[in-house]
Every structure is written in structure tokens, then in C-alpha cells.
Amino acid sequence: MAQASDYTIDNSTGANVRADINTVLQAIATNNSGSSAPSTTFASGFFANTSTSMMQLRNTANNDFLNLFTLAGGPAFPVDGTINSVNIGKGANSASGNTVLGESALDAAVTGTNCTAIGKAALTANTSGSSNTSIGAFSLDANTEGDNNTALGKSALGKNTTANNNTAIGSNCMLSNETGDANTAVGTNSLDANTTGANNVALGTSALGKNTTADDNTGIGRTALGVNETGAQNTAVGANSLDANTTADNNTAVGYNSLSANTTGASNNCLGSAALDANLTGNFNQAVGAGALGANTDGNNNTAVGHAALASNVSANNNTAVGHQALNNATGTQNTALGSTAGDLTTTGTNNTTIGFGADPSANNATNEVTLGNSSITAIRCQVQSISALSDERDKTDIVDSEDGLDIINKLRPRKFTWAMREPSDNNGKTELGFIAQEIDAALGDKNDYIGAVYKSNPDKLEASYGKFVPILVKAVQELSAKVTALEAG
């Protein structure tokens, strides 16, 4: 190869002119190669620099050469080199399987393998940690020995040192995690306060954002379990679900705003938008349906299945409501309702059982009642013909013979009537035989207090218990039998 001092053919003798021409032509043919730059240069001219083994191109200002590639055909930058302070290659020590692109990325005394670091200071402190993937400025930048971690986003897993098997996707995601293992966080600031908590899953902006040491939580949705600190084994699915929970354990909330006010209440389960959303400290509640147990704050052991079931319950315990708006106005305890709008009349009543569509106890404050069906029911069916009740002598006192017999029966007035209820009912227009509650009450007077044939829980709707007349009928038959016997003997 040749290098021309200039590209001018001087006036001279024939041999000298021929030599000048040959030198210039040879320089052009060999891209003007040499160990130093030619004294005469032109913009955009090539130069094969044999001292640096680099093919160069003169810039358009004609004041410097730019490296293009090596004379052997390799890239213009060195292996594991730096371009404008950006590390490119395998990183420090060229450990096997590592990939580096970023300023100060993977630049410690590295022995760990199969790591990928992209971004400023990504995995910058890593020494023996292997199989880590770090993409984003300062992601996994404190990691030294942790393995199998994945961080995507600025400062994601930024304080992780020795923890393993974590996945963080999002800016500041799992920022404070140090030694907690097997966590998964997706979303800006999700699990960003976690330090040693393990096996947590956070998906959504700020999900599980304040969790520090708690394990086995799952938060899916914006701010789901957002202020949880040490509560464990909680599951929250839905924006704002369980977002006030701090230390309570074993809660499950599925639905927007579900259990959103809960702080220390434990072992609650809810499914539905705003279900149990006012609960603060209540435990062992189950709510399924939008707004189910929506007003409950500290009531325990309640079960509500259906839209707005037990919606007004605040502090009462041990209620069960199954059905749309079942017991939705109840604040009393130990009530059970099964059926759409069943027991919706109940407010402060306790220990009531109400079964059937639209079935209600006798009054909103009724207590200790069992109601089967609404006012349209025409038959109560069962394979057996009677209901057994407690009648054990050991459970009774002050036992005496009854004197109520014919004197009561003779005052009763069996009636034929047609139903015309003050509320819609399928029984309206039907003709039956029976009694009138007011007439029974007049016939019994004060004796109704112990006979109980007229039920007055709701004075606006008197009820009659025909079965209460069985002992009276027996006594009346006995009295008649005695008279017959006397007549026969006379």
C-alpha cells in the first residue's frame, strides 16, 4: 500500500512525473493507507490507518477522521468497550452469558453469569448474582448476590441485595425490597415499600404499595391493598379493594371498592362491587353481591349473598341473608332470611327466620319468629302432617290441669269469609272457613296471654294460631264426655 504526500503531479522529467503519477494512483487504489494521516486530505475521503487498524472517513469539515470499522472487518468500538460513557458488551470481567448496555451498568467485580443489564447503573453492584434481567436506569442497582430477578423500569427492585426470584415491572416498582423472595409486582410504585415480605403479588399502580414484611398477599387493581403493612394472606382484586387494610390477615376482596375501609378486620370474604366496603374491624363476614353488607363496620360472623343483602347492617352479628336485598334494612342480630327481598321489613328484630320471596316477619322489630312464605302462599306442604315441639316435663314447672274447655269453645265463632287483603296477594278473592282474630281476642280476653291464639306482634296485622285450640278442644271433649257418661248412668 502507498500513501501520497499530496495529489499534485509536479513539472519534472519524464521519470519523476511517472513516479508521481504511480504514487497517486496507488494511494487511490489502496484507499490511501498508512501509519499516519496523509499531509493532504479531502472531505469524505477514506484512509486506512495501519497504526490503529481502523478504516476511517474524513469528516465534511475536513478536520478529523471518523472510525468506521477495523481493517479486519470488526466493529469500530472495542469488545466490552465504552462509547460516550455507555458500557457495551458483557460488562466487567466479561462473565459468561452477560449482556450490558448502559452507563455504569454491570461494572462491579462480576462473577455472576447470564445477566442482562440495560440502562444507567443497571445491576451496577452485582457481583455473584446470576440470571438477573435489569432494564431501566438504577434498576436492580444494589443487587449483589440475588439470582433470577427481573426488573423493568426506573429504580425497579432498586434496593434488592440478596433476594431471589422477584419480578418488578414499573417505575419504582419494589423499590425498597432487600431480601424478600418470590414477589411479583407490575405497576408504578407497586410493592415499593416491601423490604422482606415474600410471595406477594401486586398488579396495578400503588398496589401493595406500603407492604413491608407481610407474606402471601395478592393485590390486583389500582391501590389494591395499598396501605397494607404487615397483614398476611390477603387477596384483593379490584381498584381500591382492601386499600385501607394495614395489619389484618386472611381477607379476600374481589370487586371495586370491596372491603375498601377495612383496617384490622380479619378473615372476611367478599365478592362484588362495594361489598363490605365500610367494614373496619368486623371479622369472619362473608359478602357476595354488589353492596352486600355495605354498611357493616364492626359486625362479626355475618353472611350476605345477593345484591344489597344485609346492606344496612352496621354492628350486628350472626346474621345470614341469601337473596336480592334480603334483610337489607336489618340492624338486629341472629336473623336468617332466604329469598329475594326476604326479611326486608326487619330492622331491629332479632333471631328471626324468614324464608321465601318477599316473606317478612310480623313487624320490623319482631323477635324469635319463623316465617314461611309471603301473603300469597296457599299451602305449606311436608311429608309428615304435624310439627313436633319441645314438651318435656323436665323443662316445665307449675303444672296444673286446665279449666279452659267448653266455656272457650262456645264463645268462638267459626266464619266463612273471602280474602280482601290490604296488600297485593294471590289469595285475594278466595273464600275459606276460619276465624276472625279480633273475635277470638274478644272471646279470650286476658286468657289470650297464656293461650296465645291471637298473635299481636304487629297490631296492624293480627294473626291467629288455630293450633293453640287443641288443648282447649281436648278439655271440651272431656267435659262433654263426662256429661254423656253422667247422662248414661242416670
Protein backbone atom coordinates (compact mmCIF):
# COMPACT_ATOMS: atom_id res chain seq x y z
CA MET A 1 0.00 0.00 0.00
CA ALA A 2 1.12 3.55 -0.64
CA GLN A 3 0.44 6.95 0.82
CA ALA A 4 0.69 10.11 -1.26
CA SER A 5 2.14 13.25 0.35
CA ASP A 6 -0.22 15.19 -1.90
CA TYR A 7 -2.19 14.59 -5.08
CA THR A 8 -0.21 17.02 -7.25
CA ILE A 9 1.85 15.97 -10.33
CA ASP A 10 4.90 18.19 -10.34
CA ASN A 11 6.60 19.51 -13.51
CA SER A 12 9.70 17.40 -13.91
CA THR A 13 11.46 14.98 -16.09
CA GLY A 14 9.59 12.02 -17.50
CA ALA A 15 10.76 9.53 -14.86
CA ASN A 16 9.83 11.82 -11.98
CA VAL A 17 6.42 12.64 -13.44
CA ARG A 18 5.80 8.93 -13.96
CA ALA A 19 6.77 8.22 -10.34
CA ASP A 20 4.36 10.95 -9.06
CA ILE A 21 1.52 9.54 -11.14
CA ASN A 22 2.18 5.98 -9.95
CA THR A 23 2.24 7.08 -6.27
CA VAL A 24 -1.03 8.98 -6.56
CA LEU A 25 -2.76 6.14 -8.41
CA GLN A 26 -1.51 3.55 -5.92
CA ALA A 27 -2.73 5.67 -2.95
CA ILE A 28 -6.17 5.99 -4.53
CA ALA A 29 -6.32 2.26 -5.33
CA THR A 30 -5.41 1.30 -1.75
CA ASN A 31 -7.72 3.85 -0.02
CA ASN A 32 -4.74 5.94 0.85
CA SER A 33 -3.42 3.67 3.62
CA GLY A 34 -0.58 4.24 6.05
CA SER A 35 0.54 4.53 9.63
CA SER A 36 -0.14 8.26 9.73
CA ALA A 37 -2.60 10.54 8.04
CA PRO A 38 -1.66 11.99 4.68
CA SER A 39 -0.50 15.58 4.64
CA THR A 40 -3.10 16.45 2.07
CA THR A 41 -6.70 15.47 2.91
CA PHE A 42 -10.11 15.95 1.36
CA ALA A 43 -13.59 15.92 2.97
CA SER A 44 -15.27 12.48 2.79
CA GLY A 45 -12.00 10.81 1.81
CA PHE A 46 -11.17 7.32 3.08
CA PHE A 47 -7.99 6.47 5.00
CA ALA A 48 -6.83 3.02 6.07
CA ASN A 49 -4.92 3.71 9.29
CA THR A 50 -2.45 0.84 9.70
CA SER A 51 -1.30 2.06 13.11
CA THR A 52 -4.79 1.69 14.64
CA SER A 53 -6.00 -1.00 12.19
CA MET A 54 -9.07 1.16 11.57
CA MET A 55 -10.79 2.24 8.37
CA GLN A 56 -11.52 5.94 8.70
CA LEU A 57 -13.57 8.56 6.89
CA ARG A 58 -12.64 12.25 6.72
CA ASN A 59 -15.46 14.41 8.10
CA THR A 60 -17.18 17.06 5.99
CA ALA A 61 -15.30 19.84 7.80
CA ASN A 62 -12.06 18.15 6.72
CA ASN A 63 -10.57 18.50 10.19
CA ASP A 64 -10.76 14.96 11.62
CA PHE A 65 -11.11 11.27 10.77
CA LEU A 66 -14.07 9.12 11.93
CA ASN A 67 -13.63 5.43 12.69
CA LEU A 68 -15.81 3.19 10.51
CA PHE A 69 -14.66 -0.37 11.16
CA THR A 70 -11.48 -2.33 11.75
CA LEU A 71 -9.32 -3.34 8.85
CA ALA A 72 -10.23 -6.92 9.77
CA GLY A 73 -13.94 -6.14 9.34
CA GLY A 74 -14.94 -5.83 13.01
CA PRO A 75 -16.89 -3.02 14.73
CA ALA A 76 -15.25 0.33 15.33
CA PHE A 77 -15.52 0.02 19.15
CA PRO A 78 -13.61 -2.49 21.28
CA VAL A 79 -15.20 -5.59 22.89
CA ASP A 80 -16.63 -4.68 26.34
CA GLY A 81 -15.90 -1.13 25.48
CA THR A 82 -17.39 2.25 26.21
CA ILE A 83 -19.00 4.73 23.85
CA ASN A 84 -19.72 8.17 25.30
CA SER A 85 -19.58 6.67 28.84
CA VAL A 86 -22.02 3.89 27.89
CA ASN A 87 -20.78 0.37 28.59
CA ILE A 88 -21.35 -2.11 25.78
CA GLY A 89 -20.59 -5.82 25.85
CA LYS A 90 -20.51 -8.41 28.64
CA GLY A 91 -19.67 -5.96 31.40
CA ALA A 92 -16.90 -6.18 33.96
CA ASN A 93 -14.85 -9.39 33.76
CA SER A 94 -16.76 -10.46 30.64
CA ALA A 95 -18.60 -13.13 32.64
CA SER A 96 -20.30 -15.78 30.54
CA GLY A 97 -23.73 -15.00 29.17
CA ASN A 98 -23.88 -11.38 30.39
CA THR A 99 -25.20 -8.57 28.20
CA VAL A 100 -24.57 -4.91 29.04
CA LEU A 101 -25.76 -1.63 27.56
CA GLY A 102 -25.69 1.42 29.79
CA GLU A 103 -23.58 3.85 31.74
CA SER A 104 -22.02 2.08 34.77
CA ALA A 105 -24.15 -0.99 34.05
CA LEU A 106 -22.88 -4.32 35.49
CA ASP A 107 -19.49 -2.77 36.18
CA ALA A 108 -18.56 -4.29 39.58
CA ALA A 109 -16.28 -7.28 40.23
CA VAL A 110 -18.69 -9.54 38.40
CA THR A 111 -18.64 -13.31 38.64
CA GLY A 112 -22.39 -13.89 38.14
CA THR A 113 -23.45 -15.14 34.75
CA ASN A 114 -26.36 -14.90 32.34
CA CYS A 115 -27.35 -11.40 33.44
CA THR A 116 -28.79 -8.67 31.23
CA ALA A 117 -28.29 -5.03 32.26
CA ILE A 118 -29.70 -2.22 30.14
CA GLY A 119 -29.77 1.34 31.48
CA LYS A 120 -27.68 3.63 33.65
CA ALA A 121 -26.34 1.85 36.76
CA ALA A 122 -28.42 -1.24 35.99
CA LEU A 123 -27.03 -4.10 38.13
CA THR A 124 -24.09 -1.82 38.90
CA ALA A 125 -23.32 -3.51 42.25
CA ASN A 126 -23.90 -7.06 41.11
CA THR A 127 -21.09 -9.47 41.92
CA SER A 128 -22.18 -13.10 42.10
CA GLY A 129 -25.89 -12.77 41.30
CA SER A 130 -26.82 -14.76 38.20
CA SER A 131 -29.67 -14.92 35.70
CA ASN A 132 -30.92 -11.43 36.52
CA THR A 133 -32.56 -9.14 33.97
CA SER A 134 -32.42 -5.40 34.63
CA ILE A 135 -33.87 -2.86 32.19
CA GLY A 136 -34.12 0.76 33.28
CA ALA A 137 -31.94 3.34 34.99
CA PHE A 138 -30.91 2.24 38.51
CA SER A 139 -32.94 -0.96 38.26
CA LEU A 140 -31.51 -3.71 40.49
CA ASP A 141 -28.61 -1.32 41.10
CA ALA A 142 -27.97 -2.57 44.68
CA ASN A 143 -28.19 -6.27 43.85
CA THR A 144 -25.06 -8.19 44.82
CA GLU A 145 -25.92 -11.88 45.14
CA GLY A 146 -29.63 -12.23 44.30
CA ASP A 147 -30.49 -14.60 41.48
CA ASN A 148 -33.30 -14.91 38.94
CA ASN A 149 -34.69 -11.41 39.43
CA THR A 150 -36.37 -9.38 36.70
CA ALA A 151 -36.63 -5.60 36.94
CA LEU A 152 -38.14 -3.41 34.24
CA GLY A 153 -38.48 0.31 34.94
CA LYS A 154 -36.54 3.11 36.60
CA SER A 155 -35.32 2.06 40.06
CA ALA A 156 -37.34 -1.15 39.91
CA LEU A 157 -36.01 -3.51 42.62
CA GLY A 158 -33.53 -0.71 43.33
CA LYS A 159 -32.58 -1.85 46.86
CA ASN A 160 -32.64 -5.57 46.24
CA THR A 161 -29.40 -7.12 47.52
CA THR A 162 -29.65 -10.87 48.02
CA ALA A 163 -33.32 -11.69 47.36
CA ASN A 164 -34.19 -14.15 44.61
CA ASN A 165 -36.95 -14.84 42.10
CA ASN A 166 -38.59 -11.40 42.15
CA THR A 167 -40.28 -9.75 39.19
CA ALA A 168 -40.83 -5.98 39.17
CA ILE A 169 -42.27 -4.11 36.18
CA GLY A 170 -42.84 -0.37 36.52
CA SER A 171 -41.09 2.75 37.73
CA ASN A 172 -40.09 2.42 41.42
CA CYS A 173 -41.73 -0.98 41.47
CA MET A 174 -40.50 -2.95 44.52
CA LEU A 175 -38.05 -0.11 45.10
CA SER A 176 -37.32 -0.95 48.76
CA ASN A 177 -37.18 -4.72 48.55
CA GLU A 178 -33.97 -6.04 50.11
CA THR A 179 -34.29 -9.70 50.96
CA GLY A 180 -37.92 -10.62 50.20
CA ASP A 181 -38.13 -13.52 47.75
CA ALA A 182 -40.56 -14.63 45.08
CA ASN A 183 -42.56 -11.40 44.81
CA THR A 184 -44.23 -10.23 41.61
CA ALA A 185 -45.14 -6.57 41.12
CA VAL A 186 -46.45 -4.87 37.99
CA GLY A 187 -47.32 -1.16 38.08
CA THR A 188 -45.75 2.12 39.12
CA ASN A 189 -44.95 2.13 42.85
CA SER A 190 -46.44 -1.33 43.38
CA LEU A 191 -44.86 -3.13 46.36
CA ASP A 192 -42.43 -0.19 46.51
CA ALA A 193 -42.09 -0.29 50.33
CA ASN A 194 -41.63 -4.04 50.60
CA THR A 195 -38.40 -4.98 52.39
CA THR A 196 -38.52 -8.63 53.46
CA GLY A 197 -42.06 -9.76 52.59
CA ALA A 198 -42.17 -12.82 50.35
CA ASN A 199 -44.55 -14.48 47.90
CA ASN A 200 -46.61 -11.34 47.30
CA VAL A 201 -48.28 -10.46 44.01
CA ALA A 202 -49.12 -6.84 43.19
CA LEU A 203 -50.64 -5.77 39.88
CA GLY A 204 -51.67 -2.14 39.47
CA THR A 205 -50.45 1.34 40.32
CA SER A 206 -49.52 1.50 44.04
CA ALA A 207 -50.90 -1.99 44.64
CA LEU A 208 -49.50 -3.28 47.96
CA GLY A 209 -47.56 -0.01 47.97
CA LYS A 210 -46.84 0.07 51.72
CA ASN A 211 -46.36 -3.63 52.32
CA THR A 212 -43.12 -4.12 54.24
CA THR A 213 -42.71 -7.56 55.81
CA ALA A 214 -46.01 -9.35 55.15
CA ASP A 215 -46.10 -12.52 53.05
CA ASP A 216 -48.51 -14.22 50.67
CA ASN A 217 -50.66 -11.22 49.75
CA THR A 218 -52.21 -10.69 46.33
CA GLY A 219 -53.30 -7.21 45.26
CA ILE A 220 -54.67 -6.68 41.75
CA GLY A 221 -56.00 -3.25 40.81
CA ARG A 222 -55.11 0.37 41.44
CA THR A 223 -54.20 0.86 45.14
CA ALA A 224 -55.40 -2.67 45.96
CA LEU A 225 -54.07 -3.43 49.46
CA GLY A 226 -52.32 -0.08 49.01
CA VAL A 227 -51.55 0.65 52.70
CA ASN A 228 -51.13 -2.91 53.91
CA GLU A 229 -48.01 -3.14 56.07
CA THR A 230 -47.89 -6.44 57.91
CA GLY A 231 -51.23 -8.14 57.15
CA ALA A 232 -50.66 -11.52 55.53
CA GLN A 233 -52.57 -13.95 53.32
CA ASN A 234 -54.89 -11.26 51.97
CA THR A 235 -56.29 -11.27 48.44
CA ALA A 236 -57.63 -8.10 46.84
CA VAL A 237 -58.86 -7.94 43.25
CA GLY A 238 -60.32 -4.64 42.07
CA ALA A 239 -59.44 -0.96 42.22
CA ASN A 240 -59.32 0.28 45.85
CA SER A 241 -60.12 -3.17 47.21
CA LEU A 242 -58.77 -3.64 50.74
CA ASP A 243 -56.88 -0.37 50.22
CA ALA A 244 -57.13 0.65 53.92
CA ASN A 245 -56.04 -2.72 55.32
CA THR A 246 -52.93 -2.41 57.49
CA THR A 247 -52.38 -5.43 59.74
CA ALA A 248 -55.36 -7.75 59.24
CA ASP A 249 -54.87 -11.24 57.82
CA ASN A 250 -56.78 -13.73 55.68
CA ASN A 251 -59.19 -11.36 53.94
CA THR A 252 -60.42 -11.87 50.40
CA ALA A 253 -61.94 -8.95 48.47
CA VAL A 254 -62.98 -9.17 44.83
CA GLY A 255 -64.64 -6.13 43.27
CA TYR A 256 -64.26 -2.38 43.01
CA ASN A 257 -64.03 -0.79 46.49
CA SER A 258 -64.68 -4.16 48.14
CA LEU A 259 -63.56 -4.15 51.79
CA SER A 260 -62.06 -0.76 50.97
CA ALA A 261 -62.34 0.63 54.54
CA ASN A 262 -61.12 -2.49 56.33
CA THR A 263 -58.22 -1.82 58.68
CA THR A 264 -57.88 -4.67 61.17
CA GLY A 265 -60.88 -6.92 60.44
CA ALA A 266 -59.70 -10.44 59.67
CA SER A 267 -60.95 -13.48 57.77
CA ASN A 268 -63.56 -11.61 55.78
CA ASN A 269 -64.54 -12.70 52.27
CA CYS A 270 -66.40 -10.57 49.78
CA LEU A 271 -67.23 -10.68 46.09
CA GLY A 272 -68.91 -7.71 44.44
CA SER A 273 -68.53 -4.01 43.88
CA ALA A 274 -68.63 -2.11 47.21
CA ALA A 275 -69.27 -5.34 49.13
CA LEU A 276 -68.30 -4.90 52.79
CA ASP A 277 -66.83 -1.57 51.73
CA ALA A 278 -67.44 0.11 55.13
CA ASN A 279 -66.04 -2.73 57.23
CA LEU A 280 -63.38 -1.57 59.67
CA THR A 281 -62.82 -4.20 62.34
CA GLY A 282 -65.51 -6.83 61.74
CA ASN A 283 -64.30 -10.42 61.44
CA PHE A 284 -65.47 -13.60 59.75
CA ASN A 285 -68.00 -11.92 57.46
CA GLN A 286 -68.94 -13.27 54.04
CA ALA A 287 -70.46 -10.98 51.41
CA VAL A 288 -71.29 -11.89 47.81
CA GLY A 289 -73.04 -9.31 45.65
CA ALA A 290 -72.74 -5.61 44.90
CA GLY A 291 -73.30 -3.64 48.09
CA ALA A 292 -73.72 -6.77 50.21
CA LEU A 293 -73.04 -5.93 53.88
CA GLY A 294 -72.12 -2.50 52.54
CA ALA A 295 -72.66 -0.62 55.83
CA ASN A 296 -71.04 -3.19 58.12
CA THR A 297 -68.25 -1.71 60.24
CA ASP A 298 -67.63 -4.00 63.20
CA GLY A 299 -70.27 -6.72 62.93
CA ASN A 300 -68.96 -10.29 63.01
CA ASN A 301 -69.96 -13.67 61.60
CA ASN A 302 -72.45 -12.33 59.07
CA THR A 303 -73.17 -13.90 55.69
CA ALA A 304 -74.80 -11.94 52.87
CA VAL A 305 -75.34 -13.37 49.39
CA GLY A 306 -77.16 -11.17 46.90
CA HIS A 307 -77.24 -7.57 45.77
CA ALA A 308 -77.64 -5.26 48.80
CA ALA A 309 -78.19 -8.23 51.11
CA LEU A 310 -77.76 -7.08 54.74
CA ALA A 311 -76.89 -3.69 53.27
CA SER A 312 -77.83 -1.72 56.43
CA ASN A 313 -76.11 -3.93 58.97
CA VAL A 314 -73.52 -1.98 60.95
CA SER A 315 -72.56 -3.77 64.16
CA ALA A 316 -74.91 -6.73 64.44
CA ASN A 317 -73.57 -10.27 64.50
CA ASN A 318 -74.54 -13.72 63.26
CA ASN A 319 -76.98 -12.75 60.52
CA THR A 320 -77.45 -14.74 57.32
CA ALA A 321 -79.16 -13.28 54.25
CA VAL A 322 -79.40 -15.01 50.88
CA GLY A 323 -81.22 -13.22 48.09
CA HIS A 324 -81.52 -9.84 46.42
CA GLN A 325 -81.98 -7.22 49.17
CA ALA A 326 -82.58 -9.94 51.74
CA LEU A 327 -82.51 -8.39 55.24
CA ASN A 328 -81.33 -5.18 53.59
CA ASN A 329 -82.78 -2.98 56.37
CA ALA A 330 -81.82 -5.20 59.31
CA THR A 331 -79.64 -3.98 62.16
CA GLY A 332 -80.61 -6.71 64.65
CA THR A 333 -78.72 -9.91 65.35
CA GLN A 334 -79.14 -13.62 64.64
CA ASN A 335 -81.58 -13.21 61.78
CA THR A 336 -81.81 -15.58 58.83
CA ALA A 337 -83.51 -14.76 55.54
CA LEU A 338 -83.65 -16.82 52.35
CA GLY A 339 -85.22 -15.39 49.21
CA SER A 340 -85.29 -12.21 47.18
CA THR A 341 -86.32 -9.31 49.50
CA ALA A 342 -86.92 -11.86 52.27
CA GLY A 343 -86.88 -10.15 55.66
CA ASP A 344 -86.54 -6.67 54.16
CA LEU A 345 -89.13 -5.44 56.70
CA THR A 346 -86.84 -6.37 59.60
CA THR A 347 -84.93 -3.54 61.25
CA THR A 348 -84.13 -4.13 64.94
CA GLY A 349 -85.74 -7.56 65.24
CA THR A 350 -83.57 -10.47 66.36
CA ASN A 351 -83.46 -14.24 65.99
CA ASN A 352 -85.97 -14.35 63.14
CA THR A 353 -86.02 -16.90 60.34
CA THR A 354 -87.73 -15.75 57.16
CA ILE A 355 -87.94 -17.99 54.10
CA GLY A 356 -89.40 -17.21 50.70
CA PHE A 357 -89.71 -14.45 48.15
CA GLY A 358 -90.95 -11.31 49.84
CA ALA A 359 -91.50 -13.15 53.11
CA ASP A 360 -91.44 -10.90 56.19
CA PRO A 361 -91.88 -11.28 59.94
CA SER A 362 -94.96 -9.79 61.57
CA ALA A 363 -93.24 -6.46 62.34
CA ASN A 364 -89.92 -4.70 61.78
CA ASN A 365 -88.94 -5.26 65.41
CA ALA A 366 -90.38 -8.77 65.72
CA THR A 367 -88.23 -11.24 67.61
CA ASN A 368 -87.98 -15.03 67.66
CA GLU A 369 -90.28 -15.62 64.68
CA VAL A 370 -90.19 -18.14 61.85
CA THR A 371 -91.96 -17.06 58.68
CA LEU A 372 -92.54 -19.39 55.72
CA GLY A 373 -93.56 -17.61 52.54
CA ASN A 374 -95.33 -14.38 51.71
CA SER A 375 -99.01 -13.49 51.87
CA SER A 376 -99.73 -15.33 48.61
CA ILE A 377 -98.85 -18.79 49.96
CA THR A 378 -101.84 -21.16 49.86
CA ALA A 379 -100.33 -24.33 51.27
CA ILE A 380 -97.47 -25.42 53.48
CA ARG A 381 -96.50 -28.94 52.49
CA CYS A 382 -94.46 -31.61 54.20
CA GLN A 383 -94.37 -35.40 54.13
CA VAL A 384 -95.44 -35.55 57.79
CA GLN A 385 -98.67 -33.90 58.98
CA SER A 386 -97.53 -32.14 62.11
CA ILE A 387 -94.58 -30.30 63.58
CA SER A 388 -93.02 -31.60 66.75
CA ALA A 389 -92.25 -29.15 69.58
CA LEU A 390 -90.48 -29.44 72.90
CA SER A 391 -92.88 -30.71 75.61
CA ASP A 392 -90.63 -32.42 78.13
CA GLU A 393 -91.86 -32.34 81.74
CA ARG A 394 -88.31 -31.65 82.85
CA ASP A 395 -88.48 -28.33 81.08
CA LYS A 396 -91.76 -27.20 82.73
CA THR A 397 -92.92 -26.07 86.17
CA ASP A 398 -96.17 -25.08 87.92
CA ILE A 399 -98.05 -27.83 86.07
CA VAL A 400 -101.83 -27.85 86.78
CA ASP A 401 -104.95 -29.14 84.99
CA SER A 402 -106.51 -26.70 82.57
CA GLU A 403 -110.01 -25.43 83.20
CA ASP A 404 -110.40 -23.93 79.72
CA GLY A 405 -112.71 -26.03 77.62
CA LEU A 406 -116.34 -25.65 76.59
CA ASP A 407 -116.52 -22.15 78.05
CA ILE A 408 -113.96 -21.03 75.45
CA ILE A 409 -115.23 -23.15 72.56
CA ASN A 410 -118.76 -21.88 72.98
CA LYS A 411 -117.55 -18.30 72.59
CA LEU A 412 -115.77 -18.92 69.30
CA ARG A 413 -117.46 -18.06 66.04
CA PRO A 414 -116.35 -20.12 63.03
CA ARG A 415 -116.72 -17.94 59.95
CA LYS A 416 -116.91 -18.20 56.19
CA PHE A 417 -115.17 -15.28 54.51
CA THR A 418 -113.46 -14.04 51.33
CA TRP A 419 -109.94 -12.68 51.43
CA ALA A 420 -109.51 -8.96 50.57
CA MET A 421 -106.05 -8.17 51.86
CA ARG A 422 -104.77 -4.61 52.14
CA GLU A 423 -101.72 -5.60 50.12
CA PRO A 424 -101.48 -7.45 46.80
CA SER A 425 -101.90 -11.21 47.28
CA ASP A 426 -102.77 -14.21 45.15
CA ASN A 427 -105.23 -15.19 47.90
CA ASN A 428 -107.42 -12.14 47.38
CA GLY A 429 -110.87 -13.26 46.22
CA LYS A 430 -110.59 -16.76 47.69
CA THR A 431 -113.31 -17.99 50.09
CA GLU A 432 -112.34 -20.02 53.16
CA LEU A 433 -113.53 -21.16 56.59
CA GLY A 434 -111.78 -19.92 59.71
CA PHE A 435 -111.86 -17.38 62.49
CA ILE A 436 -111.54 -13.61 62.83
CA ALA A 437 -108.57 -12.66 65.03
CA GLN A 438 -110.43 -9.76 66.69
CA GLU A 439 -113.35 -12.04 67.58
CA ILE A 440 -111.00 -14.65 69.08
CA ASP A 441 -109.29 -11.91 71.08
CA ALA A 442 -112.65 -10.70 72.42
CA ALA A 443 -113.66 -14.23 73.34
CA LEU A 444 -110.44 -14.99 75.18
CA GLY A 445 -109.86 -11.66 76.86
CA ASP A 446 -106.92 -11.82 79.27
CA LYS A 447 -106.71 -15.57 78.77
CA ASN A 448 -105.03 -14.89 75.42
CA ASP A 449 -101.93 -14.00 77.41
CA TYR A 450 -101.32 -17.70 78.13
CA ILE A 451 -103.36 -19.30 75.37
CA GLY A 452 -101.67 -17.20 72.67
CA ALA A 453 -104.26 -17.87 69.98
CA VAL A 454 -104.08 -14.25 68.79
CA TYR A 455 -100.57 -13.05 67.82
CA LYS A 456 -100.30 -9.30 68.32
CA SER A 457 -96.67 -8.57 67.37
CA ASN A 458 -97.97 -6.16 64.73
CA PRO A 459 -101.23 -4.52 65.93
CA ASP A 460 -101.97 -3.53 62.35
CA LYS A 461 -101.97 -7.18 61.25
CA LEU A 462 -103.39 -9.55 63.88
CA GLU A 463 -102.71 -13.22 63.36
CA ALA A 464 -104.44 -16.35 64.68
CA SER A 465 -102.86 -19.63 65.77
CA TYR A 466 -105.51 -22.29 65.33
CA GLY A 467 -103.26 -24.96 66.78
CA LYS A 468 -103.47 -23.26 70.19
CA PHE A 469 -107.05 -24.54 70.49
CA VAL A 470 -106.03 -28.23 70.55
CA PRO A 471 -105.67 -28.41 74.38
CA ILE A 472 -108.95 -26.47 74.75
CA LEU A 473 -110.74 -28.84 72.36
CA VAL A 474 -109.40 -31.83 74.28
CA LYS A 475 -110.68 -30.33 77.53
CA ALA A 476 -114.05 -29.59 75.94
CA VAL A 477 -114.37 -33.16 74.68
CA GLN A 478 -113.52 -34.43 78.16
CA GLU A 479 -116.19 -32.21 79.67
CA LEU A 480 -118.72 -33.41 77.10
CA SER A 481 -117.65 -36.99 77.70
CA ALA A 482 -118.23 -36.60 81.43
CA LYS A 483 -121.71 -35.23 80.76
CA VAL A 484 -122.50 -38.11 78.41
CA THR A 485 -121.27 -40.59 80.97
CA ALA A 486 -123.42 -38.95 83.66
CA LEU A 487 -126.46 -38.99 81.40
CA GLU A 488 -125.90 -42.62 80.54
CA ALA A 489 -125.53 -43.50 84.20
CA GLY A 490 -128.71 -41.60 85.22
